[in-house]
Amino acid sequence: MHQYKQEFGEAFDLGFELSHFSFLKDKSWHNDVCPSFMFKAKVNSDISVGLEQSEQYLVLWVDYFKSL
């Protein structure tokens, strides 16, 4: 079972199929307000001489709307 389902319930719908994004690492935790996933990305940094590309870890937070 995925961590986000343990923390936010089996019925939690991400709005996308997690298996289609194998690079996302589930880092959800019960103290967080919503599920989160870490991934590595290449990011362009603006340098005065030009653009420099580096790898950084980013976090995708999946917010949700709970209808009444």
PDB file of N, CA and C in Angstrom:
ATOM      1  N   MET A   1       0.848  -1.186   0.000  1.00  0.00           N
ATOM      2  CA  MET A   1       0.000   0.000   0.000  1.00  0.00           C
ATOM      3  C   MET A   1       0.891   1.245   0.000  1.00  0.00           C
ATOM      4  N   HIS A   2       0.492   2.247  -0.754  1.00  0.00           N
ATOM      5  CA  HIS A   2       1.243   3.497  -0.821  1.00  0.00           C
ATOM      6  C   HIS A   2       1.129   4.251   0.511  1.00  0.00           C
ATOM      7  N   GLN A   3       2.179   4.991   0.823  1.00  0.00           N
ATOM      8  CA  GLN A   3       2.214   5.771   2.062  1.00  0.00           C
ATOM      9  C   GLN A   3       1.068   6.779   2.128  1.00  0.00           C
ATOM     10  N   TYR A   4       0.770   7.451   1.014  1.00  0.00           N
ATOM     11  CA  TYR A   4      -0.294   8.462   1.035  1.00  0.00           C
ATOM     12  C   TYR A   4      -1.644   7.837   1.385  1.00  0.00           C
ATOM     13  N   LYS A   5      -1.875   6.588   0.977  1.00  0.00           N
ATOM     14  CA  LYS A   5      -3.130   5.909   1.306  1.00  0.00           C
ATOM     15  C   LYS A   5      -3.180   5.539   2.784  1.00  0.00           C
ATOM     16  N   GLN A   6      -2.034   5.180   3.359  1.00  0.00           N
ATOM     17  CA  GLN A   6      -1.972   4.885   4.793  1.00  0.00           C
ATOM     18  C   GLN A   6      -2.256   6.136   5.608  1.00  0.00           C
ATOM     19  N   GLU A   7      -1.743   7.267   5.154  1.00  0.00           N
ATOM     20  CA  GLU A   7      -1.861   8.510   5.905  1.00  0.00           C
ATOM     21  C   GLU A   7      -3.194   9.232   5.682  1.00  0.00           C
ATOM     22  N   PHE A   8      -3.736   9.165   4.465  1.00  0.00           N
ATOM     23  CA  PHE A   8      -4.930   9.951   4.118  1.00  0.00           C
ATOM     24  C   PHE A   8      -6.136   9.093   3.735  1.00  0.00           C
ATOM     25  N   GLY A   9      -6.021   7.792   3.863  1.00  0.00           N
ATOM     26  CA  GLY A   9      -7.148   6.893   3.613  1.00  0.00           C
ATOM     27  C   GLY A   9      -7.085   6.234   2.247  1.00  0.00           C
ATOM     28  N   GLU A  10      -7.566   5.007   2.195  1.00  0.00           N
ATOM     29  CA  GLU A  10      -7.526   4.221   0.955  1.00  0.00           C
ATOM     30  C   GLU A  10      -8.338   4.854  -0.168  1.00  0.00           C
ATOM     31  N   ALA A  11      -9.350   5.624   0.170  1.00  0.00           N
ATOM     32  CA  ALA A  11     -10.223   6.220  -0.844  1.00  0.00           C
ATOM     33  C   ALA A  11      -9.680   7.537  -1.389  1.00  0.00           C
ATOM     34  N   PHE A  12      -8.542   8.026  -0.883  1.00  0.00           N
ATOM     35  CA  PHE A  12      -8.008   9.306  -1.345  1.00  0.00           C
ATOM     36  C   PHE A  12      -7.686   9.224  -2.831  1.00  0.00           C
ATOM     37  N   ASP A  13      -8.219  10.161  -3.609  1.00  0.00           N
ATOM     38  CA  ASP A  13      -8.019  10.202  -5.058  1.00  0.00           C
ATOM     39  C   ASP A  13      -7.019  11.301  -5.391  1.00  0.00           C
ATOM     40  N   LEU A  14      -5.866  10.926  -5.934  1.00  0.00           N
ATOM     41  CA  LEU A  14      -4.841  11.903  -6.301  1.00  0.00           C
ATOM     42  C   LEU A  14      -5.264  12.757  -7.488  1.00  0.00           C
ATOM     43  N   GLY A  15      -6.135  12.236  -8.329  1.00  0.00           N
ATOM     44  CA  GLY A  15      -6.520  12.935  -9.548  1.00  0.00           C
ATOM     45  C   GLY A  15      -5.656  12.539 -10.729  1.00  0.00           C
ATOM     46  N   PHE A  16      -4.710  11.629 -10.506  1.00  0.00           N
ATOM     47  CA  PHE A  16      -3.874  11.085 -11.574  1.00  0.00           C
ATOM     48  C   PHE A  16      -3.439   9.687 -11.161  1.00  0.00           C
ATOM     49  N   GLU A  17      -2.975   8.907 -12.128  1.00  0.00           N
ATOM     50  CA  GLU A  17      -2.531   7.538 -11.860  1.00  0.00           C
ATOM     51  C   GLU A  17      -1.049   7.563 -11.481  1.00  0.00           C
ATOM     52  N   LEU A  18      -0.752   7.281 -10.221  1.00  0.00           N
ATOM     53  CA  LEU A  18       0.619   7.359  -9.712  1.00  0.00           C
ATOM     54  C   LEU A  18       1.561   6.429 -10.481  1.00  0.00           C
ATOM     55  N   SER A  19       1.081   5.284 -10.935  1.00  0.00           N
ATOM     56  CA  SER A  19       1.932   4.331 -11.659  1.00  0.00           C
ATOM     57  C   SER A  19       2.448   4.904 -12.986  1.00  0.00           C
ATOM     58  N   HIS A  20       1.815   5.952 -13.506  1.00  0.00           N
ATOM     59  CA  HIS A  20       2.272   6.593 -14.747  1.00  0.00           C
ATOM     60  C   HIS A  20       3.460   7.520 -14.503  1.00  0.00           C
ATOM     61  N   PHE A  21       3.785   7.775 -13.245  1.00  0.00           N
ATOM     62  CA  PHE A  21       4.862   8.697 -12.886  1.00  0.00           C
ATOM     63  C   PHE A  21       5.815   8.007 -11.917  1.00  0.00           C
ATOM     64  N   SER A  22       6.562   7.044 -12.435  1.00  0.00           N
ATOM     65  CA  SER A  22       7.438   6.215 -11.594  1.00  0.00           C
ATOM     66  C   SER A  22       8.548   7.013 -10.911  1.00  0.00           C
ATOM     67  N   PHE A  23       8.821   8.218 -11.369  1.00  0.00           N
ATOM     68  CA  PHE A  23       9.872   9.040 -10.774  1.00  0.00           C
ATOM     69  C   PHE A  23       9.415   9.730  -9.479  1.00  0.00           C
ATOM     70  N   LEU A  24       8.113   9.701  -9.174  1.00  0.00           N
ATOM     71  CA  LEU A  24       7.618  10.322  -7.945  1.00  0.00           C
ATOM     72  C   LEU A  24       7.815   9.392  -6.760  1.00  0.00           C
ATOM     73  N   LYS A  25       8.469   9.898  -5.715  1.00  0.00           N
ATOM     74  CA  LYS A  25       8.682   9.119  -4.494  1.00  0.00           C
ATOM     75  C   LYS A  25       7.715   9.648  -3.428  1.00  0.00           C
ATOM     76  N   ASP A  26       6.845   8.791  -2.965  1.00  0.00           N
ATOM     77  CA  ASP A  26       5.834   9.161  -1.967  1.00  0.00           C
ATOM     78  C   ASP A  26       6.512   9.507  -0.650  1.00  0.00           C
ATOM     79  N   LYS A  27       6.329  10.734  -0.180  1.00  0.00           N
ATOM     80  CA  LYS A  27       6.893  11.163   1.098  1.00  0.00           C
ATOM     81  C   LYS A  27       5.800  11.696   2.030  1.00  0.00           C
ATOM     82  N   SER A  28       4.587  11.216   1.827  1.00  0.00           N
ATOM     83  CA  SER A  28       3.440  11.664   2.617  1.00  0.00           C
ATOM     84  C   SER A  28       3.624  11.285   4.085  1.00  0.00           C
ATOM     85  N   TRP A  29       3.110  12.167   4.941  1.00  0.00           N
ATOM     86  CA  TRP A  29       3.231  11.954   6.378  1.00  0.00           C
ATOM     87  C   TRP A  29       1.955  12.451   7.044  1.00  0.00           C
ATOM     88  N   HIS A  30       1.547  11.805   8.111  1.00  0.00           N
ATOM     89  CA  HIS A  30       0.262  12.139   8.736  1.00  0.00           C
ATOM     90  C   HIS A  30       0.207  13.537   9.349  1.00  0.00           C
ATOM     91  N   ASN A  31       1.335  14.156   9.607  1.00  0.00           N
ATOM     92  CA  ASN A  31       1.328  15.525  10.124  1.00  0.00           C
ATOM     93  C   ASN A  31       1.156  16.558   9.011  1.00  0.00           C
ATOM     94  N   ASP A  32       1.263  16.126   7.753  1.00  0.00           N
ATOM     95  CA  ASP A  32       1.075  17.026   6.614  1.00  0.00           C
ATOM     96  C   ASP A  32      -0.419  17.186   6.331  1.00  0.00           C
ATOM     97  N   VAL A  33      -0.779  18.266   5.668  1.00  0.00           N
ATOM     98  CA  VAL A  33      -2.192  18.518   5.363  1.00  0.00           C
ATOM     99  C   VAL A  33      -2.650  17.816   4.086  1.00  0.00           C
ATOM    100  N   CYS A  34      -1.698  17.337   3.259  1.00  0.00           N
ATOM    101  CA  CYS A  34      -2.045  16.626   2.039  1.00  0.00           C
ATOM    102  C   CYS A  34      -0.857  15.766   1.598  1.00  0.00           C
ATOM    103  N   PRO A  35      -1.081  14.805   0.707  1.00  0.00           N
ATOM    104  CA  PRO A  35       0.002  13.949   0.219  1.00  0.00           C
ATOM    105  C   PRO A  35       1.078  14.750  -0.515  1.00  0.00           C
ATOM    106  N   SER A  36       2.300  14.235  -0.480  1.00  0.00           N
ATOM    107  CA  SER A  36       3.401  14.892  -1.184  1.00  0.00           C
ATOM    108  C   SER A  36       4.336  13.849  -1.781  1.00  0.00           C
ATOM    109  N   PHE A  37       4.973  14.251  -2.872  1.00  0.00           N
ATOM    110  CA  PHE A  37       5.847  13.362  -3.620  1.00  0.00           C
ATOM    111  C   PHE A  37       7.111  14.118  -4.012  1.00  0.00           C
ATOM    112  N   MET A  38       8.271  13.486  -3.834  1.00  0.00           N
ATOM    113  CA  MET A  38       9.547  14.108  -4.157  1.00  0.00           C
ATOM    114  C   MET A  38      10.022  13.580  -5.514  1.00  0.00           C
ATOM    115  N   PHE A  39      10.695  14.455  -6.273  1.00  0.00           N
ATOM    116  CA  PHE A  39      11.281  14.036  -7.545  1.00  0.00           C
ATOM    117  C   PHE A  39      12.469  14.927  -7.871  1.00  0.00           C
ATOM    118  N   LYS A  40      13.368  14.410  -8.692  1.00  0.00           N
ATOM    119  CA  LYS A  40      14.547  15.168  -9.115  1.00  0.00           C
ATOM    120  C   LYS A  40      14.260  15.777 -10.475  1.00  0.00           C
ATOM    121  N   ALA A  41      14.637  17.040 -10.645  1.00  0.00           N
ATOM    122  CA  ALA A  41      14.391  17.733 -11.909  1.00  0.00           C
ATOM    123  C   ALA A  41      15.589  18.585 -12.279  1.00  0.00           C
ATOM    124  N   LYS A  42      15.754  18.814 -13.568  1.00  0.00           N
ATOM    125  CA  LYS A  42      16.785  19.728 -14.044  1.00  0.00           C
ATOM    126  C   LYS A  42      16.184  21.119 -14.072  1.00  0.00           C
ATOM    127  N   VAL A  43      16.856  22.050 -13.426  1.00  0.00           N
ATOM    128  CA  VAL A  43      16.345  23.411 -13.291  1.00  0.00           C
ATOM    129  C   VAL A  43      17.359  24.379 -13.866  1.00  0.00           C
ATOM    130  N   ASN A  44      16.885  25.342 -14.649  1.00  0.00           N
ATOM    131  CA  ASN A  44      17.758  26.370 -15.199  1.00  0.00           C
ATOM    132  C   ASN A  44      17.907  27.507 -14.198  1.00  0.00           C
ATOM    133  N   SER A  45      19.145  27.856 -13.903  1.00  0.00           N
ATOM    134  CA  SER A  45      19.429  28.989 -13.027  1.00  0.00           C
ATOM    135  C   SER A  45      19.887  30.161 -13.876  1.00  0.00           C
ATOM    136  N   ASP A  46      19.386  31.336 -13.582  1.00  0.00           N
ATOM    137  CA  ASP A  46      19.753  32.524 -14.342  1.00  0.00           C
ATOM    138  C   ASP A  46      21.089  33.055 -13.823  1.00  0.00           C
ATOM    139  N   ILE A  47      22.126  32.915 -14.606  1.00  0.00           N
ATOM    140  CA  ILE A  47      23.459  33.432 -14.287  1.00  0.00           C
ATOM    141  C   ILE A  47      23.711  34.611 -15.231  1.00  0.00           C
ATOM    142  N   SER A  48      24.462  35.615 -14.760  1.00  0.00           N
ATOM    143  CA  SER A  48      24.680  36.819 -15.574  1.00  0.00           C
ATOM    144  C   SER A  48      25.286  36.493 -16.939  1.00  0.00           C
ATOM    145  N   VAL A  49      26.045  35.425 -17.029  1.00  0.00           N
ATOM    146  CA  VAL A  49      26.687  35.046 -18.293  1.00  0.00           C
ATOM    147  C   VAL A  49      25.742  34.215 -19.162  1.00  0.00           C
ATOM    148  N   GLY A  50      24.809  33.530 -18.566  1.00  0.00           N
ATOM    149  CA  GLY A  50      23.891  32.668 -19.323  1.00  0.00           C
ATOM    150  C   GLY A  50      23.102  31.790 -18.361  1.00  0.00           C
ATOM    151  N   LEU A  51      22.511  30.747 -18.873  1.00  0.00           N
ATOM    152  CA  LEU A  51      21.743  29.840 -18.038  1.00  0.00           C
ATOM    153  C   LEU A  51      22.594  28.635 -17.653  1.00  0.00           C
ATOM    154  N   GLU A  52      22.547  28.275 -16.402  1.00  0.00           N
ATOM    155  CA  GLU A  52      23.248  27.092 -15.924  1.00  0.00           C
ATOM    156  C   GLU A  52      22.196  26.081 -15.492  1.00  0.00           C
ATOM    157  N   GLN A  53      22.375  24.842 -15.904  1.00  0.00           N
ATOM    158  CA  GLN A  53      21.401  23.812 -15.562  1.00  0.00           C
ATOM    159  C   GLN A  53      21.933  22.963 -14.412  1.00  0.00           C
ATOM    160  N   SER A  54      21.088  22.722 -13.427  1.00  0.00           N
ATOM    161  CA  SER A  54      21.480  21.888 -12.299  1.00  0.00           C
ATOM    162  C   SER A  54      20.309  20.982 -11.920  1.00  0.00           C
ATOM    163  N   GLU A  55      20.615  19.912 -11.189  1.00  0.00           N
ATOM    164  CA  GLU A  55      19.568  19.017 -10.708  1.00  0.00           C
ATOM    165  C   GLU A  55      19.183  19.409  -9.293  1.00  0.00           C
ATOM    166  N   GLN A  56      17.905  19.436  -9.046  1.00  0.00           N
ATOM    167  CA  GLN A  56      17.391  19.767  -7.717  1.00  0.00           C
ATOM    168  C   GLN A  56      16.262  18.810  -7.376  1.00  0.00           C
ATOM    169  N   TYR A  57      16.055  18.611  -6.074  1.00  0.00           N
ATOM    170  CA  TYR A  57      14.908  17.839  -5.626  1.00  0.00           C
ATOM    171  C   TYR A  57      13.749  18.799  -5.386  1.00  0.00           C
ATOM    172  N   LEU A  58      12.601  18.468  -5.948  1.00  0.00           N
ATOM    173  CA  LEU A  58      11.394  19.272  -5.795  1.00  0.00           C
ATOM    174  C   LEU A  58      10.308  18.422  -5.154  1.00  0.00           C
ATOM    175  N   VAL A  59       9.314  19.083  -4.576  1.00  0.00           N
ATOM    176  CA  VAL A  59       8.206  18.371  -3.937  1.00  0.00           C
ATOM    177  C   VAL A  59       6.897  18.789  -4.589  1.00  0.00           C
ATOM    178  N   LEU A  60       6.116  17.795  -4.963  1.00  0.00           N
ATOM    179  CA  LEU A  60       4.785  18.003  -5.510  1.00  0.00           C
ATOM    180  C   LEU A  60       3.781  17.744  -4.390  1.00  0.00           C
ATOM    181  N   TRP A  61       3.019  18.766  -4.007  1.00  0.00           N
ATOM    182  CA  TRP A  61       1.970  18.630  -2.994  1.00  0.00           C
ATOM    183  C   TRP A  61       0.646  18.458  -3.714  1.00  0.00           C
ATOM    184  N   VAL A  62      -0.131  17.458  -3.321  1.00  0.00           N
ATOM    185  CA  VAL A  62      -1.415  17.191  -3.959  1.00  0.00           C
ATOM    186  C   VAL A  62      -2.526  17.640  -3.029  1.00  0.00           C
ATOM    187  N   ASP A  63      -3.067  18.825  -3.290  1.00  0.00           N
ATOM    188  CA  ASP A  63      -4.154  19.358  -2.504  1.00  0.00           C
ATOM    189  C   ASP A  63      -5.453  18.729  -2.995  1.00  0.00           C
ATOM    190  N   TYR A  64      -6.480  18.833  -2.210  1.00  0.00           N
ATOM    191  CA  TYR A  64      -7.747  18.241  -2.619  1.00  0.00           C
ATOM    192  C   TYR A  64      -8.907  19.084  -2.118  1.00  0.00           C
ATOM    193  N   PHE A  65     -10.041  18.863  -2.732  1.00  0.00           N
ATOM    194  CA  PHE A  65     -11.257  19.561  -2.357  1.00  0.00           C
ATOM    195  C   PHE A  65     -12.207  18.524  -1.794  1.00  0.00           C
ATOM    196  N   LYS A  66     -12.661  18.751  -0.597  1.00  0.00           N
ATOM    197  CA  LYS A  66     -13.591  17.826   0.038  1.00  0.00           C
ATOM    198  C   LYS A  66     -14.981  18.443  -0.024  1.00  0.00           C
ATOM    199  N   SER A  67     -15.857  17.821  -0.802  1.00  0.00           N
ATOM    200  CA  SER A  67     -17.210  18.352  -0.924  1.00  0.00           C
ATOM    201  C   SER A  67     -18.038  17.959   0.299  1.00  0.00           C
ATOM    202  N   LEU A  68     -19.008  18.778   0.596  1.00  0.00           N
ATOM    203  CA  LEU A  68     -19.860  18.530   1.764  1.00  0.00           C
ATOM    204  C   LEU A  68     -21.061  17.710   1.420  1.00  0.00           C
TER     205      LEU A  68
END
